[in-house]
Amino acid sequence: MEVSHTIINLIIFVLAIYVGYHVVWTVTPALHTPLMAVTNAISAIVIVGAMLAAALTETGLGKSMGVLAVALAAVNVFGGFLVTRRMLEMFKKKEKKAPAAAEGAKQLSGEGAR
């Protein structure tokens, strides 16, 4: 008895969703940023795969689905990098500003104008 390739691909897809869900929900917050960076790299590989799949199809539906896959993966990559950059900026040390009262005193005495 031969099983359809579509059924095999569907089973693999469902298992990938299941495993991915459990992997992501068990990640500690300290590892979230490195995980995001790796996910962005995987999404970049998805872009290459989607481009290859779109180029190898012969139907208009296949090409349009390939273009859609490329567009969605690109949004995922660029959005992921923006989120990662924003998270990393939260860990940077902030510069301490001079108290506002001291600056106001300098300007009144004429020291700030020099």
N, C-alpha and C. Protein backbone atom coordinates (compact mmCIF):
# COMPACT_ATOMS: atom_id res chain seq x y z
N MET A 1 0.85 -1.17 0.00
CA MET A 1 0.00 0.00 0.00
C MET A 1 0.90 1.24 0.00
N GLU A 2 0.66 2.14 -0.90
CA GLU A 2 1.47 3.35 -1.03
C GLU A 2 0.72 4.54 -0.44
N VAL A 3 1.43 5.31 0.40
CA VAL A 3 0.84 6.48 1.03
C VAL A 3 1.17 7.70 0.18
N SER A 4 0.21 8.60 0.06
CA SER A 4 0.39 9.80 -0.75
C SER A 4 1.48 10.70 -0.15
N HIS A 5 2.22 11.36 -1.02
CA HIS A 5 3.26 12.29 -0.55
C HIS A 5 2.63 13.47 0.18
N THR A 6 1.44 13.84 -0.21
CA THR A 6 0.75 14.95 0.46
C THR A 6 0.46 14.60 1.91
N ILE A 7 0.03 13.38 2.17
CA ILE A 7 -0.25 12.95 3.54
C ILE A 7 1.03 12.92 4.37
N ILE A 8 2.11 12.44 3.80
CA ILE A 8 3.39 12.41 4.52
C ILE A 8 3.86 13.82 4.84
N ASN A 9 3.75 14.72 3.87
CA ASN A 9 4.14 16.12 4.11
C ASN A 9 3.25 16.76 5.16
N LEU A 10 1.98 16.46 5.16
CA LEU A 10 1.06 17.01 6.16
C LEU A 10 1.41 16.50 7.56
N ILE A 11 1.75 15.24 7.68
CA ILE A 11 2.15 14.67 8.98
C ILE A 11 3.42 15.34 9.48
N ILE A 12 4.38 15.54 8.61
CA ILE A 12 5.63 16.21 9.00
C ILE A 12 5.35 17.65 9.43
N PHE A 13 4.47 18.32 8.73
CA PHE A 13 4.11 19.70 9.07
C PHE A 13 3.46 19.77 10.46
N VAL A 14 2.53 18.88 10.73
CA VAL A 14 1.85 18.88 12.04
C VAL A 14 2.83 18.55 13.16
N LEU A 15 3.72 17.58 12.93
CA LEU A 15 4.73 17.26 13.95
C LEU A 15 5.69 18.42 14.19
N ALA A 16 6.05 19.15 13.13
CA ALA A 16 6.93 20.31 13.29
C ALA A 16 6.25 21.40 14.11
N ILE A 17 4.96 21.60 13.89
CA ILE A 17 4.22 22.58 14.69
C ILE A 17 4.21 22.16 16.16
N TYR A 18 3.93 20.89 16.41
CA TYR A 18 3.87 20.38 17.77
C TYR A 18 5.21 20.53 18.50
N VAL A 19 6.29 20.10 17.86
CA VAL A 19 7.61 20.19 18.47
C VAL A 19 8.02 21.66 18.66
N GLY A 20 7.78 22.48 17.64
CA GLY A 20 8.12 23.91 17.74
C GLY A 20 7.39 24.60 18.88
N TYR A 21 6.13 24.29 19.03
CA TYR A 21 5.33 24.88 20.12
C TYR A 21 5.94 24.54 21.48
N HIS A 22 6.27 23.27 21.69
CA HIS A 22 6.81 22.86 22.98
C HIS A 22 8.23 23.37 23.21
N VAL A 23 9.00 23.51 22.17
CA VAL A 23 10.36 24.04 22.32
C VAL A 23 10.32 25.51 22.70
N VAL A 24 9.47 26.29 22.03
CA VAL A 24 9.42 27.73 22.27
C VAL A 24 8.87 28.04 23.66
N TRP A 25 7.86 27.33 24.10
CA TRP A 25 7.26 27.64 25.40
C TRP A 25 8.11 27.21 26.58
N THR A 26 9.15 26.39 26.37
CA THR A 26 10.00 25.99 27.48
C THR A 26 11.31 26.79 27.55
N VAL A 27 11.46 27.80 26.71
CA VAL A 27 12.68 28.61 26.70
C VAL A 27 12.64 29.59 27.86
N THR A 28 13.75 29.69 28.58
CA THR A 28 13.85 30.66 29.67
C THR A 28 14.01 32.07 29.08
N PRO A 29 13.60 33.09 29.80
CA PRO A 29 13.72 34.46 29.27
C PRO A 29 15.15 34.87 28.93
N ALA A 30 16.13 34.33 29.64
CA ALA A 30 17.53 34.70 29.36
C ALA A 30 17.98 34.22 27.99
N LEU A 31 17.38 33.17 27.48
CA LEU A 31 17.76 32.64 26.18
C LEU A 31 16.90 33.15 25.04
N HIS A 32 15.97 34.03 25.33
CA HIS A 32 15.04 34.47 24.30
C HIS A 32 15.74 35.24 23.18
N THR A 33 16.66 36.14 23.52
CA THR A 33 17.35 36.93 22.49
C THR A 33 18.20 36.07 21.58
N PRO A 34 19.03 35.15 22.10
CA PRO A 34 19.77 34.28 21.18
C PRO A 34 18.86 33.41 20.33
N LEU A 35 17.74 32.98 20.90
CA LEU A 35 16.80 32.17 20.13
C LEU A 35 16.20 32.99 18.99
N MET A 36 15.93 34.26 19.24
CA MET A 36 15.39 35.13 18.19
C MET A 36 16.40 35.28 17.06
N ALA A 37 17.67 35.42 17.39
CA ALA A 37 18.70 35.57 16.36
C ALA A 37 18.79 34.31 15.50
N VAL A 38 18.70 33.14 16.13
CA VAL A 38 18.75 31.89 15.38
C VAL A 38 17.51 31.75 14.51
N THR A 39 16.38 32.15 15.04
CA THR A 39 15.13 32.08 14.27
C THR A 39 15.20 32.97 13.04
N ASN A 40 15.84 34.12 13.17
CA ASN A 40 16.00 35.00 12.01
C ASN A 40 16.87 34.35 10.95
N ALA A 41 17.90 33.65 11.37
CA ALA A 41 18.75 32.95 10.41
C ALA A 41 17.98 31.84 9.71
N ILE A 42 17.15 31.12 10.45
CA ILE A 42 16.35 30.06 9.84
C ILE A 42 15.36 30.66 8.85
N SER A 43 14.79 31.80 9.18
CA SER A 43 13.85 32.45 8.26
C SER A 43 14.56 32.89 6.98
N ALA A 44 15.82 33.28 7.09
CA ALA A 44 16.56 33.63 5.88
C ALA A 44 16.75 32.41 4.99
N ILE A 45 16.94 31.24 5.59
CA ILE A 45 17.03 30.01 4.81
C ILE A 45 15.69 29.70 4.16
N VAL A 46 14.60 30.01 4.87
CA VAL A 46 13.26 29.80 4.32
C VAL A 46 13.06 30.67 3.07
N ILE A 47 13.62 31.88 3.07
CA ILE A 47 13.51 32.75 1.90
C ILE A 47 14.17 32.09 0.69
N VAL A 48 15.35 31.54 0.89
CA VAL A 48 16.05 30.87 -0.21
C VAL A 48 15.24 29.68 -0.70
N GLY A 49 14.71 28.88 0.21
CA GLY A 49 13.90 27.73 -0.17
C GLY A 49 12.64 28.13 -0.91
N ALA A 50 12.00 29.21 -0.45
CA ALA A 50 10.79 29.68 -1.13
C ALA A 50 11.11 30.19 -2.53
N MET A 51 12.25 30.84 -2.69
CA MET A 51 12.64 31.31 -4.02
C MET A 51 12.89 30.13 -4.95
N LEU A 52 13.55 29.10 -4.45
CA LEU A 52 13.78 27.91 -5.27
C LEU A 52 12.47 27.21 -5.63
N ALA A 53 11.58 27.09 -4.65
CA ALA A 53 10.29 26.44 -4.91
C ALA A 53 9.48 27.23 -5.92
N ALA A 54 9.49 28.55 -5.82
CA ALA A 54 8.74 29.37 -6.77
C ALA A 54 9.33 29.27 -8.16
N ALA A 55 10.65 29.17 -8.26
CA ALA A 55 11.30 29.10 -9.57
C ALA A 55 11.05 27.75 -10.25
N LEU A 56 10.88 26.69 -9.47
CA LEU A 56 10.73 25.36 -10.04
C LEU A 56 9.29 24.99 -10.39
N THR A 57 8.32 25.79 -9.96
CA THR A 57 6.93 25.47 -10.28
C THR A 57 6.60 25.90 -11.69
N GLU A 58 5.59 25.28 -12.24
CA GLU A 58 5.19 25.58 -13.61
C GLU A 58 3.85 26.29 -13.67
N THR A 59 3.08 26.26 -12.60
CA THR A 59 1.75 26.86 -12.63
C THR A 59 1.80 28.27 -12.03
N GLY A 60 0.80 29.05 -12.39
CA GLY A 60 0.70 30.40 -11.86
C GLY A 60 0.41 30.40 -10.37
N LEU A 61 -0.39 29.44 -9.91
CA LEU A 61 -0.70 29.35 -8.48
C LEU A 61 0.56 29.03 -7.69
N GLY A 62 1.37 28.13 -8.19
CA GLY A 62 2.61 27.79 -7.51
C GLY A 62 3.56 28.96 -7.41
N LYS A 63 3.67 29.72 -8.50
CA LYS A 63 4.56 30.90 -8.49
C LYS A 63 4.03 31.97 -7.54
N SER A 64 2.72 32.17 -7.53
CA SER A 64 2.17 33.19 -6.63
C SER A 64 2.30 32.78 -5.17
N MET A 65 2.14 31.49 -4.88
CA MET A 65 2.35 31.01 -3.51
C MET A 65 3.82 31.15 -3.11
N GLY A 66 4.73 30.92 -4.06
CA GLY A 66 6.15 31.09 -3.78
C GLY A 66 6.50 32.54 -3.48
N VAL A 67 5.92 33.45 -4.24
CA VAL A 67 6.15 34.89 -4.00
C VAL A 67 5.58 35.28 -2.64
N LEU A 68 4.41 34.75 -2.30
CA LEU A 68 3.82 35.03 -0.99
C LEU A 68 4.71 34.50 0.13
N ALA A 69 5.25 33.30 -0.06
CA ALA A 69 6.15 32.72 0.95
C ALA A 69 7.40 33.57 1.12
N VAL A 70 7.96 34.05 0.02
CA VAL A 70 9.15 34.91 0.10
C VAL A 70 8.81 36.20 0.85
N ALA A 71 7.67 36.80 0.53
CA ALA A 71 7.29 38.06 1.17
C ALA A 71 7.08 37.87 2.67
N LEU A 72 6.37 36.81 3.06
CA LEU A 72 6.11 36.59 4.48
C LEU A 72 7.39 36.26 5.24
N ALA A 73 8.27 35.48 4.64
CA ALA A 73 9.53 35.17 5.31
C ALA A 73 10.40 36.43 5.44
N ALA A 74 10.37 37.30 4.43
CA ALA A 74 11.15 38.54 4.50
C ALA A 74 10.63 39.44 5.62
N VAL A 75 9.31 39.55 5.75
CA VAL A 75 8.73 40.33 6.84
C VAL A 75 9.15 39.74 8.18
N ASN A 76 9.15 38.42 8.27
CA ASN A 76 9.56 37.75 9.51
C ASN A 76 11.02 38.04 9.84
N VAL A 77 11.89 38.00 8.85
CA VAL A 77 13.32 38.26 9.09
C VAL A 77 13.54 39.69 9.54
N PHE A 78 13.02 40.66 8.79
CA PHE A 78 13.28 42.06 9.14
C PHE A 78 12.60 42.45 10.45
N GLY A 79 11.40 41.97 10.68
CA GLY A 79 10.74 42.23 11.95
C GLY A 79 11.47 41.60 13.11
N GLY A 80 11.99 40.40 12.91
CA GLY A 80 12.74 39.72 13.96
C GLY A 80 14.01 40.46 14.31
N PHE A 81 14.71 40.98 13.30
CA PHE A 81 15.92 41.74 13.58
C PHE A 81 15.60 43.04 14.30
N LEU A 82 14.49 43.68 13.96
CA LEU A 82 14.11 44.91 14.67
C LEU A 82 13.79 44.62 16.13
N VAL A 83 13.06 43.54 16.38
CA VAL A 83 12.72 43.19 17.76
C VAL A 83 13.98 42.82 18.54
N THR A 84 14.88 42.06 17.92
CA THR A 84 16.12 41.67 18.60
C THR A 84 16.96 42.90 18.94
N ARG A 85 17.07 43.83 17.99
CA ARG A 85 17.84 45.05 18.25
C ARG A 85 17.22 45.85 19.39
N ARG A 86 15.91 45.91 19.41
CA ARG A 86 15.23 46.66 20.46
C ARG A 86 15.45 46.00 21.83
N MET A 87 15.42 44.67 21.85
CA MET A 87 15.66 43.98 23.12
C MET A 87 17.09 44.19 23.59
N LEU A 88 18.05 44.16 22.68
CA LEU A 88 19.44 44.36 23.07
C LEU A 88 19.69 45.78 23.56
N GLU A 89 18.96 46.77 23.04
CA GLU A 89 19.12 48.15 23.51
C GLU A 89 18.65 48.30 24.94
N MET A 90 17.75 47.43 25.39
CA MET A 90 17.29 47.51 26.78
C MET A 90 18.40 47.14 27.76
N PHE A 91 19.40 46.37 27.31
CA PHE A 91 20.48 45.95 28.19
C PHE A 91 21.64 46.93 28.22
N LYS A 92 21.64 47.94 27.35
CA LYS A 92 22.72 48.92 27.35
C LYS A 92 22.61 49.84 28.56
N LYS A 93 23.77 50.28 29.06
CA LYS A 93 23.77 51.22 30.18
C LYS A 93 23.38 52.59 29.67
N LYS A 94 22.54 53.26 30.43
CA LYS A 94 22.10 54.59 30.06
C LYS A 94 23.04 55.62 30.67
N GLU A 95 23.32 56.68 29.90
CA GLU A 95 24.19 57.75 30.39
C GLU A 95 23.44 58.56 31.44
N LYS A 96 24.17 58.94 32.50
CA LYS A 96 23.56 59.76 33.54
C LYS A 96 23.61 61.21 33.11
N LYS A 97 22.50 61.89 33.21
CA LYS A 97 22.42 63.31 32.86
C LYS A 97 22.67 64.14 34.11
N ALA A 98 23.22 65.35 33.88
CA ALA A 98 23.44 66.27 35.00
C ALA A 98 22.10 66.73 35.52
N PRO A 99 22.00 66.95 36.82
CA PRO A 99 20.73 67.42 37.38
C PRO A 99 20.30 68.73 36.74
N ALA A 100 19.04 68.90 36.54
CA ALA A 100 18.50 70.08 35.86
C ALA A 100 18.75 71.35 36.66
N ALA A 101 18.77 71.28 37.99
CA ALA A 101 18.98 72.47 38.82
C ALA A 101 20.39 73.02 38.63
N ALA A 102 21.40 72.15 38.48
CA ALA A 102 22.77 72.60 38.29
C ALA A 102 22.93 73.27 36.93
N GLU A 103 22.26 72.77 35.90
CA GLU A 103 22.35 73.38 34.57
C GLU A 103 21.69 74.76 34.57
N GLY A 104 20.58 74.86 35.28
CA GLY A 104 19.88 76.15 35.34
C GLY A 104 20.73 77.19 36.06
N ALA A 105 21.46 76.81 37.09
CA ALA A 105 22.32 77.74 37.83
C ALA A 105 23.46 78.22 36.95
N LYS A 106 24.03 77.32 36.10
CA LYS A 106 25.13 77.71 35.22
C LYS A 106 24.65 78.73 34.20
N GLN A 107 23.45 78.53 33.68
CA GLN A 107 22.96 79.46 32.66
C GLN A 107 22.65 80.83 33.27
N LEU A 108 22.16 80.86 34.51
CA LEU A 108 21.85 82.14 35.13
C LEU A 108 23.11 82.93 35.46
N SER A 109 24.21 82.23 35.82
CA SER A 109 25.43 82.91 36.18
C SER A 109 26.26 83.28 34.95
N GLY A 110 25.89 82.82 33.80
CA GLY A 110 26.60 83.17 32.59
C GLY A 110 27.68 82.17 32.21
N GLU A 111 27.87 81.09 32.99
CA GLU A 111 28.91 80.10 32.69
C GLU A 111 28.54 79.25 31.50
N GLY A 112 27.26 79.02 31.27
CA GLY A 112 26.84 78.16 30.18
C GLY A 112 26.97 78.83 28.83
N ALA A 113 27.11 80.17 28.80
CA ALA A 113 27.16 80.89 27.53
C ALA A 113 28.54 80.92 26.93
N ARG A 114 29.58 80.62 27.66
CA ARG A 114 30.96 80.71 27.17
C ARG A 114 31.30 79.63 26.23
